[in-house]
Amino acid sequence: YPRLSGVRSLRGSSASPAATSAKQQQGEDAGGYLLPPEEIRSLVEAPPTPSMFVSPPRTGCKWLAIVDRDPLLSLEALAAPELKLGGARFLPGKNCASRSIRQHSLRLVHRETGEEKKVEGIPEGASIKSLSWSPDGQTVAFAVEASDGLRLYTADPTKAVASLASDRLLNAIIAKGYEWSSSSDKIIVCTVPEGRPPAPVRPPV
């Protein structure tokens, strides 16, 4: 691969002045990776269109939940240990799907007045997953991914404050880990069993 060979030559001590100039024009980050021109980076790293979830027709679809996400999958997410089962890839330490782009903030918009509120109370640096409205449209539920797994949160759109619904870790390997009851007053959750032993260690051979 000539291009890879060229990158190695730029890192060497014998790089020509022209090669060094090209290296300076492209830029190099703290980890030693060559970076593309700013015009390319601005396109790739531009904020993507957020995900949107409209409240159910029972309430006139008056609320809109907007979830903002990162433009790219992080290197940390790509390098995280994962397991494969029946075509699914998941994180054994978090019991959820792997290689998912972080969704970092949640906003609630009243479709009639246009009033917008950012939901407070979501842990800093966490990722929002599997958002769904209650059937009556009065509450929005979502999973929050932290370092040890997923936990269920809910929020009243009129207050826009997230509250922890259960401290039990969700098991969201196959499905999202929870479902609303038809009456909207209960949430059925699939949790990680308490006292579950650690995953088996893969043999070296």
Protein backbone atom coordinates (compact mmCIF):
# COMPACT_ATOMS: atom_id res chain seq x y z
CA TYR A 1 0.00 0.00 0.00
CA PRO A 2 1.98 3.06 -1.23
CA ARG A 3 0.00 5.58 0.81
CA LEU A 4 0.77 3.79 4.08
CA SER A 5 4.42 3.69 3.08
CA GLY A 6 4.27 7.41 2.42
CA VAL A 7 2.81 8.07 5.85
CA ARG A 8 5.63 6.12 7.47
CA SER A 9 8.19 8.17 5.55
CA LEU A 10 6.68 11.38 6.91
CA ARG A 11 7.22 10.09 10.43
CA GLY A 12 10.84 9.23 9.82
CA SER A 13 13.78 11.49 10.54
CA SER A 14 14.88 11.51 6.89
CA ALA A 15 11.73 13.18 5.51
CA SER A 16 12.41 15.71 2.78
CA PRO A 17 11.50 19.41 3.22
CA ALA A 18 8.61 18.96 0.77
CA ALA A 19 7.27 16.02 2.76
CA THR A 20 7.63 17.95 6.00
CA SER A 21 5.73 20.88 4.47
CA ALA A 22 2.91 18.55 3.37
CA LYS A 23 2.80 17.11 6.86
CA GLN A 24 2.48 20.59 8.37
CA GLN A 25 -0.29 21.53 5.94
CA GLN A 26 -2.31 18.40 6.78
CA GLY A 27 -1.74 18.70 10.50
CA GLU A 28 -1.05 16.06 13.09
CA ASP A 29 -2.93 15.43 16.31
CA ALA A 30 -1.48 14.60 19.72
CA GLY A 31 -1.58 10.87 18.98
CA GLY A 32 0.56 11.19 15.87
CA TYR A 33 -2.26 10.66 13.34
CA LEU A 34 -2.11 12.70 10.16
CA LEU A 35 -5.22 14.83 9.78
CA PRO A 36 -6.97 15.80 6.53
CA PRO A 37 -7.42 19.43 5.48
CA GLU A 38 -9.80 21.50 7.57
CA GLU A 39 -12.37 21.57 4.75
CA ILE A 40 -12.67 17.76 4.84
CA ARG A 41 -12.70 17.60 8.62
CA SER A 42 -15.49 20.17 8.87
CA LEU A 43 -17.66 18.05 6.55
CA VAL A 44 -17.01 14.77 8.36
CA GLU A 45 -17.36 16.24 11.86
CA ALA A 46 -20.42 18.40 11.13
CA PRO A 47 -23.28 17.85 13.61
CA PRO A 48 -25.65 15.23 12.16
CA THR A 49 -29.41 15.59 11.94
CA PRO A 50 -30.84 14.70 15.37
CA SER A 51 -33.28 11.85 15.97
CA MET A 52 -36.88 12.92 16.57
CA PHE A 53 -39.71 11.17 18.42
CA VAL A 54 -43.28 12.52 18.31
CA SER A 55 -45.60 11.86 21.23
CA PRO A 56 -48.56 9.54 20.52
CA PRO A 57 -51.70 10.72 18.67
CA ARG A 58 -53.70 10.21 21.88
CA THR A 59 -52.31 13.55 23.07
CA GLY A 60 -52.49 15.25 19.68
CA CYS A 61 -48.81 14.63 18.96
CA LYS A 62 -48.06 17.87 20.80
CA TRP A 63 -44.58 16.97 22.07
CA LEU A 64 -41.43 16.36 20.09
CA ALA A 65 -38.40 14.69 21.69
CA ILE A 66 -35.13 15.57 19.94
CA VAL A 67 -31.97 13.57 20.64
CA ASP A 68 -28.63 15.05 19.58
CA ARG A 69 -25.77 12.72 18.74
CA ASP A 70 -22.07 12.75 17.96
CA PRO A 71 -21.07 12.81 14.28
CA LEU A 72 -18.75 9.81 14.47
CA LEU A 73 -18.21 6.62 16.42
CA SER A 74 -15.40 7.13 18.90
CA LEU A 75 -12.19 5.08 18.87
CA GLU A 76 -13.04 3.99 22.39
CA ALA A 77 -16.36 2.53 21.20
CA LEU A 78 -14.67 0.76 18.28
CA ALA A 79 -12.03 -0.76 20.55
CA ALA A 80 -14.42 -1.90 23.31
CA PRO A 81 -14.46 -5.70 23.86
CA GLU A 82 -17.56 -7.20 22.27
CA LEU A 83 -19.20 -10.60 21.90
CA LYS A 84 -21.27 -11.99 19.03
CA LEU A 85 -24.42 -14.08 19.38
CA GLY A 86 -26.89 -14.98 16.64
CA GLY A 87 -25.82 -12.08 14.45
CA ALA A 88 -25.88 -9.56 17.31
CA ARG A 89 -22.84 -7.69 18.57
CA PHE A 90 -22.98 -6.59 22.19
CA LEU A 91 -20.88 -5.31 25.06
CA PRO A 92 -20.69 -7.99 27.76
CA GLY A 93 -19.79 -5.43 30.41
CA LYS A 94 -22.83 -3.25 29.65
CA ASN A 95 -25.40 -5.73 28.29
CA CYS A 96 -26.25 -3.60 25.26
CA ALA A 97 -25.45 -3.37 21.57
CA SER A 98 -21.92 -2.39 20.66
CA ARG A 99 -20.62 0.17 18.15
CA SER A 100 -23.40 2.71 18.71
CA ILE A 101 -22.81 6.43 18.29
CA ARG A 102 -23.19 8.41 21.50
CA GLN A 103 -26.42 10.38 21.86
CA HIS A 104 -25.50 13.12 24.27
CA SER A 105 -28.50 15.38 24.93
CA LEU A 106 -32.30 15.40 24.92
CA ARG A 107 -34.58 18.33 24.11
CA LEU A 108 -38.37 18.53 24.36
CA VAL A 109 -40.34 20.86 22.09
CA HIS A 110 -44.02 21.79 22.39
CA ARG A 111 -45.23 21.65 18.81
CA GLU A 112 -47.98 24.25 19.27
CA THR A 113 -46.05 26.95 21.15
CA GLY A 114 -42.55 26.12 19.91
CA GLU A 115 -41.23 26.21 23.47
CA GLU A 116 -38.05 24.14 23.78
CA LYS A 117 -36.50 22.72 26.95
CA LYS A 118 -33.29 20.79 27.42
CA VAL A 119 -33.81 17.83 29.76
CA GLU A 120 -31.68 18.22 32.87
CA GLY A 121 -30.53 15.49 35.23
CA ILE A 122 -28.89 13.21 32.65
CA PRO A 123 -25.44 12.13 33.92
CA GLU A 124 -22.57 14.04 32.33
CA GLY A 125 -20.90 12.17 29.47
CA ALA A 126 -23.55 9.43 29.34
CA SER A 127 -25.26 8.20 26.18
CA ILE A 128 -29.04 8.21 25.68
CA LYS A 129 -30.59 5.07 24.16
CA SER A 130 -33.96 3.51 23.31
CA LEU A 131 -36.25 6.51 23.85
CA SER A 132 -40.01 5.93 23.81
CA TRP A 133 -43.15 7.80 24.83
CA SER A 134 -45.74 6.38 27.17
CA PRO A 135 -49.01 5.51 25.35
CA ASP A 136 -50.75 8.51 26.95
CA GLY A 137 -47.90 10.84 25.89
CA GLN A 138 -47.40 12.19 29.40
CA THR A 139 -43.94 10.71 30.04
CA VAL A 140 -40.87 9.90 27.99
CA ALA A 141 -38.61 7.00 28.98
CA PHE A 142 -35.06 6.27 27.88
CA ALA A 143 -32.03 4.24 28.86
CA VAL A 144 -28.83 5.97 29.91
CA GLU A 145 -25.52 4.20 29.25
CA ALA A 146 -22.90 4.68 31.93
CA SER A 147 -19.60 2.91 32.55
CA ASP A 148 -21.26 -0.09 34.24
CA GLY A 149 -24.32 -0.50 32.01
CA LEU A 150 -27.79 0.88 31.24
CA ARG A 151 -30.28 2.37 33.66
CA LEU A 152 -33.84 3.49 33.00
CA TYR A 153 -34.80 7.16 33.28
CA THR A 154 -38.08 8.99 32.74
CA ALA A 155 -39.01 12.63 32.25
CA ASP A 156 -42.19 14.68 32.37
CA PRO A 157 -42.15 16.95 29.28
CA THR A 158 -43.68 19.84 31.23
CA LYS A 159 -40.78 19.81 33.72
CA ALA A 160 -37.92 18.51 31.51
CA VAL A 161 -36.06 16.90 34.41
CA ALA A 162 -34.84 13.29 34.13
CA SER A 163 -35.35 11.00 37.11
CA LEU A 164 -33.97 7.53 37.72
CA ALA A 165 -36.82 5.02 37.40
CA SER A 166 -34.84 2.03 38.64
CA ASP A 167 -31.29 1.46 39.83
CA ARG A 168 -31.29 -2.06 38.38
CA LEU A 169 -29.14 -2.52 35.27
CA LEU A 170 -31.07 -3.20 32.07
CA ASN A 171 -30.41 -6.20 29.85
CA ALA A 172 -30.74 -4.72 26.37
CA ILE A 173 -28.73 -7.18 24.29
CA ILE A 174 -31.63 -8.33 22.09
CA ALA A 175 -34.35 -5.71 22.73
CA LYS A 176 -34.30 -2.25 24.30
CA GLY A 177 -34.69 -3.62 27.82
CA TYR A 178 -38.08 -2.15 28.74
CA GLU A 179 -41.67 -1.71 27.51
CA TRP A 180 -44.53 0.55 28.56
CA SER A 181 -47.77 -0.99 29.81
CA SER A 182 -50.88 -0.07 27.82
CA SER A 183 -52.15 1.90 30.81
CA SER A 184 -48.96 4.05 30.89
CA ASP A 185 -48.65 3.66 34.67
CA LYS A 186 -46.10 0.84 34.61
CA ILE A 187 -42.88 -0.04 32.80
CA ILE A 188 -41.88 -3.68 32.35
CA VAL A 189 -38.11 -4.03 32.45
CA CYS A 190 -35.64 -6.77 31.54
CA THR A 191 -32.79 -6.56 34.03
CA VAL A 192 -29.45 -8.20 34.62
CA PRO A 193 -29.90 -10.95 37.26
CA GLU A 194 -28.46 -10.09 40.63
CA GLY A 195 -25.46 -12.20 41.56
CA ARG A 196 -24.79 -13.22 37.96
CA PRO A 197 -21.27 -14.68 37.71
CA PRO A 198 -18.72 -13.10 35.36
CA ALA A 199 -18.54 -14.17 31.73
CA PRO A 200 -16.42 -17.24 30.96
CA VAL A 201 -12.82 -16.53 30.02
CA ARG A 202 -11.97 -17.37 26.42
CA PRO A 203 -9.25 -20.06 26.28
CA PRO A 204 -5.98 -18.83 24.75
CA VAL A 205 -5.86 -21.77 22.30
